[in-house]
N, C-alpha and C. Protein backbone atom coordinates (compact mmCIF):
# COMPACT_ATOMS: atom_id res chain seq x y z
N MET A 1 84.39 -56.70 -71.08
CA MET A 1 84.72 -55.45 -70.44
C MET A 1 83.97 -55.39 -69.12
N ALA A 2 84.68 -55.14 -68.06
CA ALA A 2 84.07 -55.00 -66.74
C ALA A 2 83.56 -53.58 -66.54
N VAL A 3 82.38 -53.50 -65.94
CA VAL A 3 81.77 -52.20 -65.65
C VAL A 3 81.40 -52.18 -64.18
N ASN A 4 81.75 -51.11 -63.50
CA ASN A 4 81.43 -50.96 -62.10
C ASN A 4 80.42 -49.83 -61.96
N VAL A 5 79.24 -50.16 -61.42
CA VAL A 5 78.17 -49.17 -61.27
C VAL A 5 77.71 -49.18 -59.83
N VAL A 6 77.55 -48.00 -59.26
CA VAL A 6 77.05 -47.87 -57.89
C VAL A 6 75.55 -47.64 -57.96
N LEU A 7 74.79 -48.58 -57.39
CA LEU A 7 73.33 -48.51 -57.47
C LEU A 7 72.68 -48.26 -56.12
N ASP A 8 73.46 -47.81 -55.13
CA ASP A 8 72.93 -47.69 -53.78
C ASP A 8 71.77 -46.70 -53.67
N LYS A 9 71.69 -45.72 -54.52
CA LYS A 9 70.59 -44.76 -54.48
C LYS A 9 69.38 -45.27 -55.25
N ALA A 10 69.58 -46.25 -56.14
CA ALA A 10 68.50 -46.75 -56.98
C ALA A 10 67.81 -47.98 -56.42
N LEU A 11 68.46 -48.67 -55.47
CA LEU A 11 67.94 -49.93 -54.95
C LEU A 11 67.72 -49.88 -53.45
N ASP A 12 66.82 -50.73 -52.98
CA ASP A 12 66.69 -50.93 -51.54
C ASP A 12 67.98 -51.56 -51.03
N LYS A 13 68.29 -51.30 -49.79
CA LYS A 13 69.54 -51.77 -49.18
C LYS A 13 69.77 -53.27 -49.38
N ALA A 14 68.73 -54.08 -49.28
CA ALA A 14 68.88 -55.54 -49.39
C ALA A 14 69.36 -55.99 -50.76
N TYR A 15 69.24 -55.13 -51.76
CA TYR A 15 69.61 -55.51 -53.12
C TYR A 15 70.89 -54.84 -53.62
N GLU A 16 71.48 -53.98 -52.82
CA GLU A 16 72.66 -53.22 -53.26
C GLU A 16 73.85 -54.09 -53.63
N SER A 17 74.00 -55.23 -53.02
CA SER A 17 75.16 -56.08 -53.30
C SER A 17 74.82 -57.27 -54.20
N LYS A 18 73.64 -57.30 -54.74
CA LYS A 18 73.20 -58.42 -55.59
C LYS A 18 73.76 -58.25 -57.00
N SER A 19 73.81 -59.37 -57.73
CA SER A 19 74.23 -59.32 -59.13
C SER A 19 73.11 -58.71 -59.97
N LEU A 20 73.45 -58.30 -61.18
CA LEU A 20 72.42 -57.74 -62.06
C LEU A 20 71.32 -58.75 -62.34
N ASN A 21 71.68 -60.02 -62.52
CA ASN A 21 70.65 -61.04 -62.76
C ASN A 21 69.72 -61.19 -61.56
N GLU A 22 70.27 -61.12 -60.36
CA GLU A 22 69.44 -61.19 -59.15
C GLU A 22 68.53 -59.97 -59.04
N ILE A 23 69.05 -58.82 -59.39
CA ILE A 23 68.24 -57.59 -59.35
C ILE A 23 67.12 -57.67 -60.37
N LEU A 24 67.41 -58.12 -61.58
CA LEU A 24 66.38 -58.23 -62.61
C LEU A 24 65.30 -59.23 -62.23
N ALA A 25 65.64 -60.23 -61.44
CA ALA A 25 64.67 -61.24 -61.00
C ALA A 25 63.89 -60.79 -59.77
N ALA A 26 64.30 -59.69 -59.17
CA ALA A 26 63.66 -59.19 -57.95
C ALA A 26 62.33 -58.49 -58.28
N PRO A 27 61.46 -58.37 -57.29
CA PRO A 27 60.21 -57.63 -57.52
C PRO A 27 60.50 -56.14 -57.70
N PRO A 28 59.59 -55.42 -58.34
CA PRO A 28 59.81 -53.98 -58.53
C PRO A 28 60.09 -53.23 -57.23
N SER A 29 59.59 -53.72 -56.11
CA SER A 29 59.82 -53.03 -54.83
C SER A 29 61.28 -53.04 -54.42
N ALA A 30 62.13 -53.77 -55.12
CA ALA A 30 63.57 -53.71 -54.86
C ALA A 30 64.15 -52.37 -55.31
N LEU A 31 63.42 -51.67 -56.16
CA LEU A 31 63.84 -50.32 -56.59
C LEU A 31 63.48 -49.33 -55.49
N ALA A 32 64.39 -48.43 -55.20
CA ALA A 32 64.15 -47.42 -54.17
C ALA A 32 62.91 -46.62 -54.52
N GLY A 33 62.03 -46.47 -53.55
CA GLY A 33 60.83 -45.68 -53.74
C GLY A 33 59.58 -46.49 -54.06
N LEU A 34 59.74 -47.77 -54.41
CA LEU A 34 58.58 -48.61 -54.65
C LEU A 34 58.37 -49.54 -53.46
N THR A 35 57.12 -49.90 -53.22
CA THR A 35 56.77 -50.74 -52.08
C THR A 35 56.10 -52.03 -52.55
N GLU A 36 55.83 -52.91 -51.61
CA GLU A 36 55.12 -54.14 -51.94
C GLU A 36 53.71 -53.85 -52.47
N ALA A 37 53.13 -52.74 -52.06
CA ALA A 37 51.82 -52.34 -52.60
C ALA A 37 51.95 -52.05 -54.09
N HIS A 38 53.06 -51.45 -54.49
CA HIS A 38 53.30 -51.21 -55.92
C HIS A 38 53.47 -52.53 -56.67
N ASP A 39 54.14 -53.49 -56.03
CA ASP A 39 54.29 -54.82 -56.65
C ASP A 39 52.92 -55.38 -57.01
N LYS A 40 51.98 -55.31 -56.07
CA LYS A 40 50.64 -55.85 -56.29
C LYS A 40 49.92 -55.08 -57.39
N GLN A 41 50.04 -53.77 -57.38
CA GLN A 41 49.37 -52.96 -58.40
C GLN A 41 49.92 -53.27 -59.79
N LEU A 42 51.25 -53.38 -59.90
CA LEU A 42 51.86 -53.68 -61.20
C LEU A 42 51.48 -55.08 -61.67
N LEU A 43 51.42 -56.03 -60.74
CA LEU A 43 51.02 -57.39 -61.09
C LEU A 43 49.57 -57.42 -61.55
N ASP A 44 48.69 -56.80 -60.81
CA ASP A 44 47.27 -56.80 -61.14
C ASP A 44 46.98 -56.08 -62.46
N ALA A 45 47.63 -54.94 -62.66
CA ALA A 45 47.33 -54.12 -63.84
C ALA A 45 48.06 -54.58 -65.09
N LEU A 46 49.34 -54.97 -64.96
CA LEU A 46 50.16 -55.22 -66.14
C LEU A 46 50.89 -56.56 -66.13
N LYS A 47 50.60 -57.40 -65.14
CA LYS A 47 51.24 -58.72 -65.02
C LYS A 47 52.76 -58.62 -64.88
N ILE A 48 53.23 -57.55 -64.24
CA ILE A 48 54.66 -57.33 -64.01
C ILE A 48 55.02 -57.92 -62.66
N LYS A 49 55.94 -58.92 -62.66
CA LYS A 49 56.36 -59.58 -61.44
C LYS A 49 57.79 -59.22 -61.03
N THR A 50 58.62 -58.83 -61.99
CA THR A 50 60.04 -58.59 -61.73
C THR A 50 60.49 -57.27 -62.33
N ILE A 51 61.69 -56.87 -61.94
CA ILE A 51 62.27 -55.66 -62.54
C ILE A 51 62.50 -55.88 -64.03
N ALA A 52 62.85 -57.09 -64.43
CA ALA A 52 63.02 -57.39 -65.86
C ALA A 52 61.70 -57.21 -66.60
N ASP A 53 60.60 -57.69 -66.01
CA ASP A 53 59.28 -57.49 -66.62
C ASP A 53 58.99 -56.00 -66.78
N LEU A 54 59.31 -55.23 -65.77
CA LEU A 54 59.08 -53.79 -65.80
C LEU A 54 59.91 -53.15 -66.92
N ALA A 55 61.17 -53.54 -67.01
CA ALA A 55 62.07 -52.96 -68.02
C ALA A 55 61.66 -53.33 -69.44
N ASN A 56 61.06 -54.50 -69.60
CA ASN A 56 60.71 -54.97 -70.94
C ASN A 56 59.25 -54.73 -71.31
N ASN A 57 58.50 -54.10 -70.41
CA ASN A 57 57.10 -53.83 -70.68
C ASN A 57 56.96 -52.87 -71.86
N LYS A 58 56.14 -53.24 -72.83
CA LYS A 58 56.05 -52.44 -74.06
C LYS A 58 55.56 -51.01 -73.80
N TYR A 59 54.72 -50.83 -72.80
CA TYR A 59 54.20 -49.48 -72.52
C TYR A 59 55.28 -48.59 -71.88
N PHE A 60 56.03 -49.15 -70.96
CA PHE A 60 57.11 -48.38 -70.34
C PHE A 60 58.22 -48.10 -71.34
N ARG A 61 58.53 -49.07 -72.19
CA ARG A 61 59.57 -48.87 -73.21
C ARG A 61 59.14 -47.78 -74.20
N LEU A 62 57.88 -47.82 -74.61
CA LEU A 62 57.38 -46.81 -75.54
C LEU A 62 57.40 -45.42 -74.90
N ALA A 63 56.96 -45.33 -73.65
CA ALA A 63 56.96 -44.04 -72.96
C ALA A 63 58.38 -43.48 -72.84
N ALA A 64 59.35 -44.33 -72.50
CA ALA A 64 60.74 -43.90 -72.37
C ALA A 64 61.28 -43.45 -73.72
N THR A 65 60.95 -44.17 -74.77
CA THR A 65 61.40 -43.80 -76.12
C THR A 65 60.82 -42.46 -76.53
N LEU A 66 59.55 -42.27 -76.29
CA LEU A 66 58.91 -40.99 -76.64
C LEU A 66 59.53 -39.82 -75.87
N ALA A 67 59.82 -40.04 -74.59
CA ALA A 67 60.46 -38.99 -73.79
C ALA A 67 61.87 -38.69 -74.31
N ASP A 68 62.62 -39.72 -74.69
CA ASP A 68 63.97 -39.53 -75.25
C ASP A 68 63.90 -38.76 -76.55
N LEU A 69 62.95 -39.11 -77.41
CA LEU A 69 62.81 -38.41 -78.70
C LEU A 69 62.41 -36.95 -78.48
N ALA A 70 61.52 -36.70 -77.55
CA ALA A 70 61.11 -35.32 -77.27
C ALA A 70 62.28 -34.49 -76.76
N ALA A 71 63.14 -35.09 -75.95
CA ALA A 71 64.31 -34.37 -75.43
C ALA A 71 65.27 -34.00 -76.55
N LYS A 72 65.37 -34.85 -77.56
CA LYS A 72 66.27 -34.56 -78.70
C LYS A 72 65.65 -33.57 -79.66
N GLU A 73 64.34 -33.52 -79.69
CA GLU A 73 63.63 -32.62 -80.58
C GLU A 73 63.80 -31.17 -80.15
N GLY A 74 63.89 -31.02 -78.86
CA GLY A 74 64.11 -29.85 -78.30
C GLY A 74 63.87 -28.57 -77.98
């Protein structure tokens, strides 16, 4: 099934036309609002080098899950 998603508000301009695999391999600063300084901080603190690392980080996943559960609790 093909899915078309517009990510222009979520990504830096240089990454808007990239494939999902290319985006996941990109540094976190490819996300709109993050900078290369954030890349260094994430690498130093949590060993996060890519958007995939960020998405799969156990602390970020746990925080997102807790926020989702709280929203359903209501």
